[in-house]
């Protein structure tokens, strides 16, 4: 399966959901927001399958001032 994550092409064995993708990419599973094809996916829907060729944006929380 091919995805684009934060603008970079990614190959991953499917099917894939958000937790599997985050683990594959080394992202934490807390403190992140995920958008699939430009639509923010609430954590309650993270277990839904991500389609092939989807564009994923993962945003991590940053502290600072």
C-alpha atoms as a PDB file:
ATOM      1  CA  UNK A   1       0.000   0.000   0.000  1.00  0.00           C
ATOM      2  CA  UNK A   2       1.274   3.472  -0.863  1.00  0.00           C
ATOM      3  CA  UNK A   3       0.482   6.546   1.217  1.00  0.00           C
ATOM      4  CA  UNK A   4       1.802  10.075   1.421  1.00  0.00           C
ATOM      5  CA  UNK A   5       2.632  11.083   4.991  1.00  0.00           C
ATOM      6  CA  UNK A   6       3.554  14.710   5.658  1.00  0.00           C
ATOM      7  CA  UNK A   7       4.450  15.047   1.982  1.00  0.00           C
ATOM      8  CA  UNK A   8       6.684  11.968   1.803  1.00  0.00           C
ATOM      9  CA  UNK A   9       5.816   8.692   0.039  1.00  0.00           C
ATOM     10  CA  UNK A  10       5.450   5.732   2.407  1.00  0.00           C
ATOM     11  CA  UNK A  11       5.112   2.014   1.649  1.00  0.00           C
ATOM     12  CA  UNK A  12       3.305  -0.068   4.285  1.00  0.00           C
ATOM     13  CA  UNK A  13       1.635  -3.457   4.283  1.00  0.00           C
ATOM     14  CA  UNK A  14      -2.142  -3.013   4.369  1.00  0.00           C
ATOM     15  CA  UNK A  15      -4.710  -2.874   5.613  1.00  0.00           C
ATOM     16  CA  UNK A  16      -3.661   0.060   7.763  1.00  0.00           C
ATOM     17  CA  UNK A  17      -5.384   2.274  10.319  1.00  0.00           C
ATOM     18  CA  UNK A  18      -4.065   5.333  12.165  1.00  0.00           C
ATOM     19  CA  UNK A  19      -2.483   3.462  15.128  1.00  0.00           C
ATOM     20  CA  UNK A  20      -0.646   1.075  12.782  1.00  0.00           C
ATOM     21  CA  UNK A  21       0.579   3.987  10.650  1.00  0.00           C
ATOM     22  CA  UNK A  22       1.756   5.975  13.676  1.00  0.00           C
ATOM     23  CA  UNK A  23       3.666   2.957  15.012  1.00  0.00           C
ATOM     24  CA  UNK A  24       5.204   2.307  11.572  1.00  0.00           C
ATOM     25  CA  UNK A  25       6.344   5.934  11.297  1.00  0.00           C
ATOM     26  CA  UNK A  26       7.607   6.185  14.903  1.00  0.00           C
ATOM     27  CA  UNK A  27       5.056   8.816  15.955  1.00  0.00           C
ATOM     28  CA  UNK A  28       3.552   8.779  19.453  1.00  0.00           C
ATOM     29  CA  UNK A  29      -0.096   7.775  19.765  1.00  0.00           C
ATOM     30  CA  UNK A  30      -0.869  10.709  22.064  1.00  0.00           C
ATOM     31  CA  UNK A  31      -0.444  14.431  21.485  1.00  0.00           C
ATOM     32  CA  UNK A  32      -0.960  14.125  17.733  1.00  0.00           C
ATOM     33  CA  UNK A  33      -3.664  15.157  15.302  1.00  0.00           C
ATOM     34  CA  UNK A  34      -4.193  13.212  12.091  1.00  0.00           C
ATOM     35  CA  UNK A  35      -5.839  14.338   8.858  1.00  0.00           C
ATOM     36  CA  UNK A  36      -6.680  11.874   6.080  1.00  0.00           C
ATOM     37  CA  UNK A  37      -7.102  13.455   2.654  1.00  0.00           C
ATOM     38  CA  UNK A  38      -7.444  16.896   4.246  1.00  0.00           C
ATOM     39  CA  UNK A  39     -10.089  15.911   6.819  1.00  0.00           C
ATOM     40  CA  UNK A  40      -9.145  15.709  10.497  1.00  0.00           C
ATOM     41  CA  UNK A  41      -9.899  12.227  11.796  1.00  0.00           C
ATOM     42  CA  UNK A  42     -11.004  12.242  15.449  1.00  0.00           C
ATOM     43  CA  UNK A  43      -9.376   9.651  17.685  1.00  0.00           C
ATOM     44  CA  UNK A  44     -12.715   7.833  17.912  1.00  0.00           C
ATOM     45  CA  UNK A  45     -12.311   6.990  14.192  1.00  0.00           C
ATOM     46  CA  UNK A  46      -8.621   6.019  14.219  1.00  0.00           C
ATOM     47  CA  UNK A  47      -9.469   2.329  13.893  1.00  0.00           C
ATOM     48  CA  UNK A  48     -11.082   2.917  10.481  1.00  0.00           C
ATOM     49  CA  UNK A  49      -9.047   1.659   7.543  1.00  0.00           C
ATOM     50  CA  UNK A  50      -7.034   4.186   5.533  1.00  0.00           C
ATOM     51  CA  UNK A  51      -7.390   3.779   1.764  1.00  0.00           C
ATOM     52  CA  UNK A  52      -4.521   3.219  -0.654  1.00  0.00           C
ATOM     53  CA  UNK A  53      -3.002   6.435  -2.080  1.00  0.00           C
ATOM     54  CA  UNK A  54      -4.361   8.548   0.804  1.00  0.00           C
ATOM     55  CA  UNK A  55      -2.589  11.722   1.874  1.00  0.00           C
ATOM     56  CA  UNK A  56      -1.975  11.785   5.611  1.00  0.00           C
ATOM     57  CA  UNK A  57      -0.903  14.754   7.718  1.00  0.00           C
ATOM     58  CA  UNK A  58       0.366  14.041  11.234  1.00  0.00           C
ATOM     59  CA  UNK A  59       0.780  17.041  13.502  1.00  0.00           C
ATOM     60  CA  UNK A  60       2.462  16.754  16.885  1.00  0.00           C
ATOM     61  CA  UNK A  61       1.891  19.039  19.840  1.00  0.00           C
ATOM     62  CA  UNK A  62       4.819  21.320  20.688  1.00  0.00           C
ATOM     63  CA  UNK A  63       5.374  23.163  23.946  1.00  0.00           C
ATOM     64  CA  UNK A  64       6.938  26.549  24.061  1.00  0.00           C
ATOM     65  CA  UNK A  65       6.279  30.181  24.277  1.00  0.00           C
END
